[in-house]
Amino acid sequence: MRYLKTFESLNEESILLDLKDMALELNDSGFNIAVYNDTIANTGNILVKIVHSKNFTMTPSVKEFIFRITDYMKENGYKFESHSNFGKLHLVEDGRIILTSGEARERYPSFTMINITFKK
């Protein structure tokens, strides 16, 4: 059991590093992407927060990042929930992101943050 825990923690660290690496392009564009373990609730969840100094819209680079990390995490056995200041985000197989109030597009709405929680 001791070796199993060590392997799990190493795998989790590798996943965190991969997610941070995927965020580099958005970080270079002025976004602040925080990727970390949920240590407060000690659930084993991984959290990703996307914020910018100004409000931002669903540009192709933001959309690509969201789909890339969610696909990567699904391949690693995680489920996810995504939320924004407009409520829950629904990622559709055809590449659209649906909000309660409609579809997220390149010009509307203007987000202040997007949070994605990955759960095992």
N, C-alpha and C. Protein backbone atom coordinates (compact mmCIF):
# COMPACT_ATOMS: atom_id res chain seq x y z
N MET A 1 0.81 -1.19 0.00
CA MET A 1 0.00 0.00 0.00
C MET A 1 0.86 1.26 0.00
N ARG A 2 1.97 1.18 0.65
CA ARG A 2 2.86 2.33 0.72
C ARG A 2 3.33 2.75 -0.67
N TYR A 3 3.66 1.79 -1.53
CA TYR A 3 4.11 2.11 -2.87
C TYR A 3 2.98 2.66 -3.73
N LEU A 4 1.80 2.17 -3.51
CA LEU A 4 0.64 2.63 -4.25
C LEU A 4 0.39 4.11 -3.96
N LYS A 5 0.43 4.50 -2.73
CA LYS A 5 0.23 5.91 -2.39
C LYS A 5 1.30 6.77 -3.03
N THR A 6 2.53 6.31 -3.02
CA THR A 6 3.62 7.07 -3.63
C THR A 6 3.37 7.23 -5.12
N PHE A 7 2.97 6.16 -5.79
CA PHE A 7 2.69 6.24 -7.22
C PHE A 7 1.53 7.19 -7.49
N GLU A 8 0.46 7.12 -6.71
CA GLU A 8 -0.68 8.00 -6.90
C GLU A 8 -0.29 9.46 -6.75
N SER A 9 0.52 9.76 -5.75
CA SER A 9 0.92 11.16 -5.55
C SER A 9 1.84 11.62 -6.68
N LEU A 10 2.70 10.74 -7.17
CA LEU A 10 3.56 11.10 -8.31
C LEU A 10 2.73 11.33 -9.56
N ASN A 11 1.74 10.47 -9.79
CA ASN A 11 0.87 10.63 -10.94
C ASN A 11 0.10 11.94 -10.85
N GLU A 12 -0.39 12.27 -9.67
CA GLU A 12 -1.14 13.51 -9.48
C GLU A 12 -0.25 14.73 -9.72
N GLU A 13 1.01 14.67 -9.25
CA GLU A 13 1.95 15.76 -9.48
C GLU A 13 2.21 15.91 -10.98
N SER A 14 2.34 14.81 -11.69
CA SER A 14 2.56 14.83 -13.13
C SER A 14 1.37 15.48 -13.84
N ILE A 15 0.17 15.15 -13.40
CA ILE A 15 -1.04 15.74 -14.00
C ILE A 15 -1.06 17.25 -13.76
N LEU A 16 -0.73 17.68 -12.54
CA LEU A 16 -0.70 19.12 -12.24
C LEU A 16 0.31 19.82 -13.14
N LEU A 17 1.48 19.24 -13.31
CA LEU A 17 2.50 19.85 -14.18
C LEU A 17 2.03 19.90 -15.63
N ASP A 18 1.37 18.85 -16.09
CA ASP A 18 0.85 18.85 -17.46
C ASP A 18 -0.20 19.95 -17.65
N LEU A 19 -1.10 20.11 -16.68
CA LEU A 19 -2.12 21.16 -16.77
C LEU A 19 -1.49 22.55 -16.77
N LYS A 20 -0.49 22.75 -15.93
CA LYS A 20 0.20 24.05 -15.89
C LYS A 20 0.91 24.31 -17.21
N ASP A 21 1.47 23.27 -17.80
CA ASP A 21 2.14 23.41 -19.09
C ASP A 21 1.14 23.79 -20.18
N MET A 22 -0.05 23.19 -20.15
CA MET A 22 -1.09 23.51 -21.13
C MET A 22 -1.56 24.96 -20.99
N ALA A 23 -1.41 25.53 -19.80
CA ALA A 23 -1.88 26.89 -19.53
C ALA A 23 -0.88 27.97 -19.95
N LEU A 24 0.31 27.59 -20.33
CA LEU A 24 1.36 28.58 -20.61
C LEU A 24 0.97 29.60 -21.67
N GLU A 25 0.32 29.15 -22.74
CA GLU A 25 -0.06 30.07 -23.81
C GLU A 25 -1.03 31.14 -23.29
N LEU A 26 -2.02 30.74 -22.50
CA LEU A 26 -2.95 31.72 -21.94
C LEU A 26 -2.26 32.62 -20.93
N ASN A 27 -1.35 32.06 -20.14
CA ASN A 27 -0.59 32.90 -19.20
C ASN A 27 0.19 33.97 -19.95
N ASP A 28 0.77 33.61 -21.09
CA ASP A 28 1.51 34.58 -21.91
C ASP A 28 0.59 35.66 -22.48
N SER A 29 -0.70 35.36 -22.60
CA SER A 29 -1.68 36.32 -23.12
C SER A 29 -2.27 37.21 -22.02
N GLY A 30 -1.75 37.09 -20.80
CA GLY A 30 -2.23 37.95 -19.72
C GLY A 30 -3.21 37.30 -18.78
N PHE A 31 -3.54 36.05 -19.01
CA PHE A 31 -4.45 35.34 -18.10
C PHE A 31 -3.67 34.84 -16.88
N ASN A 32 -4.38 34.67 -15.81
CA ASN A 32 -3.82 34.05 -14.62
C ASN A 32 -4.54 32.71 -14.46
N ILE A 33 -3.82 31.64 -14.73
CA ILE A 33 -4.38 30.30 -14.63
C ILE A 33 -3.80 29.64 -13.39
N ALA A 34 -4.65 29.36 -12.42
CA ALA A 34 -4.21 28.68 -11.19
C ALA A 34 -4.62 27.22 -11.28
N VAL A 35 -3.65 26.33 -11.05
CA VAL A 35 -3.89 24.88 -11.08
C VAL A 35 -3.37 24.33 -9.76
N TYR A 36 -4.26 23.69 -8.99
CA TYR A 36 -3.82 23.20 -7.68
C TYR A 36 -4.75 22.11 -7.15
N ASN A 37 -4.25 21.38 -6.15
CA ASN A 37 -5.05 20.38 -5.44
C ASN A 37 -5.97 21.09 -4.47
N ASP A 38 -7.14 20.55 -4.25
CA ASP A 38 -8.07 21.09 -3.26
C ASP A 38 -7.64 20.60 -1.88
N THR A 39 -6.69 21.28 -1.28
CA THR A 39 -6.16 20.86 0.02
C THR A 39 -7.06 21.29 1.17
N ILE A 40 -7.90 22.28 0.97
CA ILE A 40 -8.78 22.74 2.05
C ILE A 40 -9.81 21.68 2.40
N ALA A 41 -10.48 21.14 1.38
CA ALA A 41 -11.49 20.11 1.62
C ALA A 41 -10.87 18.71 1.64
N ASN A 42 -9.61 18.59 1.22
CA ASN A 42 -8.90 17.32 1.20
C ASN A 42 -9.70 16.23 0.46
N THR A 43 -10.21 16.60 -0.71
CA THR A 43 -11.04 15.69 -1.49
C THR A 43 -10.27 14.95 -2.57
N GLY A 44 -9.07 15.41 -2.87
CA GLY A 44 -8.31 14.84 -3.98
C GLY A 44 -8.70 15.48 -5.31
N ASN A 45 -9.58 16.47 -5.27
CA ASN A 45 -9.98 17.17 -6.48
C ASN A 45 -8.85 18.08 -6.96
N ILE A 46 -8.84 18.33 -8.25
CA ILE A 46 -7.90 19.28 -8.83
C ILE A 46 -8.71 20.45 -9.35
N LEU A 47 -8.29 21.66 -9.01
CA LEU A 47 -9.01 22.87 -9.38
C LEU A 47 -8.21 23.67 -10.40
N VAL A 48 -8.92 24.23 -11.37
CA VAL A 48 -8.32 25.13 -12.35
C VAL A 48 -9.16 26.39 -12.36
N LYS A 49 -8.52 27.53 -12.13
CA LYS A 49 -9.22 28.82 -12.15
C LYS A 49 -8.62 29.68 -13.24
N ILE A 50 -9.49 30.24 -14.07
CA ILE A 50 -9.09 31.10 -15.17
C ILE A 50 -9.59 32.51 -14.86
N VAL A 51 -8.69 33.45 -14.74
CA VAL A 51 -9.06 34.85 -14.52
C VAL A 51 -8.16 35.73 -15.38
N HIS A 52 -8.56 36.97 -15.54
CA HIS A 52 -7.79 37.95 -16.30
C HIS A 52 -7.93 39.27 -15.56
N SER A 53 -6.99 40.18 -15.74
CA SER A 53 -7.08 41.48 -15.07
C SER A 53 -8.30 42.27 -15.55
N LYS A 54 -8.76 41.97 -16.76
CA LYS A 54 -9.98 42.58 -17.30
C LYS A 54 -10.97 41.45 -17.55
N ASN A 55 -12.21 41.80 -17.77
CA ASN A 55 -13.18 40.77 -18.17
C ASN A 55 -12.75 40.18 -19.50
N PHE A 56 -13.10 38.93 -19.75
CA PHE A 56 -12.68 38.27 -20.98
C PHE A 56 -13.85 37.53 -21.60
N THR A 57 -13.74 37.27 -22.88
CA THR A 57 -14.78 36.54 -23.60
C THR A 57 -14.23 35.17 -24.00
N MET A 58 -15.08 34.36 -24.59
CA MET A 58 -14.71 33.00 -24.96
C MET A 58 -14.00 33.02 -26.32
N THR A 59 -12.77 33.52 -26.31
CA THR A 59 -11.97 33.55 -27.53
C THR A 59 -11.58 32.12 -27.91
N PRO A 60 -11.15 31.91 -29.14
CA PRO A 60 -10.74 30.56 -29.54
C PRO A 60 -9.66 29.97 -28.64
N SER A 61 -8.72 30.80 -28.16
CA SER A 61 -7.65 30.27 -27.30
C SER A 61 -8.18 29.82 -25.94
N VAL A 62 -9.14 30.54 -25.39
CA VAL A 62 -9.73 30.15 -24.10
C VAL A 62 -10.54 28.87 -24.28
N LYS A 63 -11.36 28.84 -25.33
CA LYS A 63 -12.18 27.65 -25.61
C LYS A 63 -11.30 26.42 -25.85
N GLU A 64 -10.24 26.60 -26.63
CA GLU A 64 -9.33 25.48 -26.92
C GLU A 64 -8.69 24.96 -25.63
N PHE A 65 -8.27 25.87 -24.75
CA PHE A 65 -7.67 25.48 -23.48
C PHE A 65 -8.65 24.67 -22.64
N ILE A 66 -9.88 25.14 -22.53
CA ILE A 66 -10.89 24.45 -21.71
C ILE A 66 -11.14 23.04 -22.25
N PHE A 67 -11.33 22.91 -23.56
CA PHE A 67 -11.58 21.59 -24.12
C PHE A 67 -10.35 20.70 -24.02
N ARG A 68 -9.17 21.28 -24.17
CA ARG A 68 -7.94 20.48 -24.08
C ARG A 68 -7.74 19.89 -22.70
N ILE A 69 -7.91 20.72 -21.66
CA ILE A 69 -7.69 20.20 -20.30
C ILE A 69 -8.79 19.23 -19.88
N THR A 70 -10.03 19.49 -20.30
CA THR A 70 -11.11 18.56 -19.91
C THR A 70 -10.95 17.22 -20.63
N ASP A 71 -10.55 17.24 -21.89
CA ASP A 71 -10.30 15.98 -22.61
C ASP A 71 -9.15 15.22 -21.97
N TYR A 72 -8.08 15.93 -21.63
CA TYR A 72 -6.92 15.31 -21.00
C TYR A 72 -7.29 14.66 -19.66
N MET A 73 -8.08 15.36 -18.87
CA MET A 73 -8.46 14.86 -17.56
C MET A 73 -9.44 13.69 -17.67
N LYS A 74 -10.32 13.72 -18.67
CA LYS A 74 -11.21 12.57 -18.89
C LYS A 74 -10.40 11.33 -19.23
N GLU A 75 -9.35 11.50 -20.03
CA GLU A 75 -8.47 10.38 -20.37
C GLU A 75 -7.77 9.82 -19.13
N ASN A 76 -7.59 10.64 -18.10
CA ASN A 76 -6.94 10.22 -16.87
C ASN A 76 -7.93 9.81 -15.78
N GLY A 77 -9.20 9.63 -16.16
CA GLY A 77 -10.19 9.10 -15.24
C GLY A 77 -10.91 10.12 -14.37
N TYR A 78 -10.85 11.39 -14.73
CA TYR A 78 -11.52 12.43 -13.95
C TYR A 78 -12.83 12.84 -14.61
N LYS A 79 -13.78 13.24 -13.79
CA LYS A 79 -15.00 13.90 -14.24
C LYS A 79 -14.81 15.37 -13.89
N PHE A 80 -15.65 16.24 -14.44
CA PHE A 80 -15.45 17.66 -14.15
C PHE A 80 -16.76 18.41 -14.06
N GLU A 81 -16.68 19.54 -13.37
CA GLU A 81 -17.76 20.52 -13.30
C GLU A 81 -17.13 21.86 -13.63
N SER A 82 -17.79 22.66 -14.44
CA SER A 82 -17.25 23.97 -14.79
C SER A 82 -18.30 25.05 -14.51
N HIS A 83 -17.83 26.13 -13.91
CA HIS A 83 -18.69 27.24 -13.53
C HIS A 83 -18.03 28.55 -13.90
N SER A 84 -18.85 29.56 -14.09
CA SER A 84 -18.36 30.91 -14.35
C SER A 84 -19.22 31.88 -13.56
N ASN A 85 -18.95 33.16 -13.72
CA ASN A 85 -19.80 34.15 -13.07
C ASN A 85 -21.21 34.16 -13.67
N PHE A 86 -21.43 33.45 -14.77
CA PHE A 86 -22.75 33.32 -15.38
C PHE A 86 -23.43 32.01 -15.03
N GLY A 87 -22.81 31.21 -14.18
CA GLY A 87 -23.39 29.92 -13.80
C GLY A 87 -22.62 28.77 -14.41
N LYS A 88 -23.27 27.62 -14.47
CA LYS A 88 -22.64 26.40 -14.94
C LYS A 88 -22.36 26.46 -16.44
N LEU A 89 -21.21 25.93 -16.83
CA LEU A 89 -20.85 25.83 -18.24
C LEU A 89 -21.06 24.39 -18.69
N HIS A 90 -21.71 24.20 -19.82
CA HIS A 90 -21.93 22.87 -20.39
C HIS A 90 -21.09 22.77 -21.66
N LEU A 91 -20.12 21.87 -21.66
CA LEU A 91 -19.27 21.67 -22.83
C LEU A 91 -19.92 20.63 -23.73
N VAL A 92 -20.17 21.00 -24.96
CA VAL A 92 -20.88 20.15 -25.91
C VAL A 92 -19.85 19.50 -26.84
N GLU A 93 -20.13 18.26 -27.24
CA GLU A 93 -19.21 17.48 -28.10
C GLU A 93 -18.82 18.22 -29.37
N ASP A 94 -19.71 19.06 -29.90
CA ASP A 94 -19.42 19.74 -31.17
C ASP A 94 -18.58 21.00 -30.99
N GLY A 95 -18.07 21.24 -29.76
CA GLY A 95 -17.17 22.37 -29.53
C GLY A 95 -17.84 23.63 -29.02
N ARG A 96 -19.12 23.56 -28.73
CA ARG A 96 -19.80 24.73 -28.18
C ARG A 96 -19.77 24.69 -26.66
N ILE A 97 -19.87 25.87 -26.05
CA ILE A 97 -19.99 25.98 -24.60
C ILE A 97 -21.30 26.70 -24.32
N ILE A 98 -22.20 26.01 -23.61
CA ILE A 98 -23.54 26.51 -23.37
C ILE A 98 -23.65 27.00 -21.92
N LEU A 99 -24.26 28.17 -21.77
CA LEU A 99 -24.56 28.75 -20.46
C LEU A 99 -26.06 28.66 -20.23
N THR A 100 -26.47 29.00 -19.04
CA THR A 100 -27.91 29.05 -18.75
C THR A 100 -28.61 30.05 -19.66
N SER A 101 -27.91 31.16 -19.97
CA SER A 101 -28.51 32.23 -20.76
C SER A 101 -28.25 32.09 -22.26
N GLY A 102 -27.61 31.02 -22.70
CA GLY A 102 -27.34 30.84 -24.13
C GLY A 102 -25.94 30.30 -24.37
N GLU A 103 -25.45 30.50 -25.57
CA GLU A 103 -24.14 29.97 -25.95
C GLU A 103 -23.05 31.00 -25.71
N ALA A 104 -21.90 30.56 -25.21
CA ALA A 104 -20.74 31.45 -25.04
C ALA A 104 -20.09 31.64 -26.40
N ARG A 105 -19.96 32.88 -26.80
CA ARG A 105 -19.37 33.19 -28.11
C ARG A 105 -18.15 34.08 -27.91
N GLU A 106 -17.51 34.40 -29.01
CA GLU A 106 -16.27 35.17 -28.93
C GLU A 106 -16.49 36.59 -28.41
N ARG A 107 -17.66 37.16 -28.61
CA ARG A 107 -17.90 38.55 -28.17
C ARG A 107 -18.81 38.67 -26.95
N TYR A 108 -19.51 37.60 -26.61
CA TYR A 108 -20.45 37.67 -25.49
C TYR A 108 -20.58 36.29 -24.88
N PRO A 109 -20.72 36.15 -23.60
CA PRO A 109 -20.68 37.18 -22.56
C PRO A 109 -19.25 37.49 -22.12
N SER A 110 -19.15 38.44 -21.23
CA SER A 110 -17.86 38.86 -20.70
C SER A 110 -17.68 38.22 -19.32
N PHE A 111 -16.74 37.30 -19.22
CA PHE A 111 -16.50 36.56 -17.98
C PHE A 111 -15.54 37.31 -17.06
N THR A 112 -15.72 37.11 -15.77
CA THR A 112 -14.73 37.57 -14.80
C THR A 112 -13.87 36.41 -14.33
N MET A 113 -14.42 35.20 -14.39
CA MET A 113 -13.67 34.01 -13.99
C MET A 113 -14.37 32.76 -14.51
N ILE A 114 -13.56 31.70 -14.64
CA ILE A 114 -14.09 30.37 -14.94
C ILE A 114 -13.37 29.40 -14.01
N ASN A 115 -14.14 28.58 -13.31
CA ASN A 115 -13.59 27.56 -12.40
C ASN A 115 -13.95 26.19 -12.93
N ILE A 116 -12.96 25.30 -12.96
CA ILE A 116 -13.19 23.92 -13.37
C ILE A 116 -12.69 23.02 -12.25
N THR A 117 -13.56 22.15 -11.77
CA THR A 117 -13.21 21.20 -10.71
C THR A 117 -13.17 19.81 -11.31
N PHE A 118 -12.02 19.15 -11.18
CA PHE A 118 -11.86 17.78 -11.66
C PHE A 118 -11.94 16.83 -10.48
N LYS A 119 -12.81 15.83 -10.61
CA LYS A 119 -13.04 14.86 -9.54
C LYS A 119 -12.74 13.47 -10.03
N LYS A 120 -12.10 12.64 -9.18
CA LYS A 120 -11.83 11.24 -9.53
C LYS A 120 -13.09 10.43 -9.47
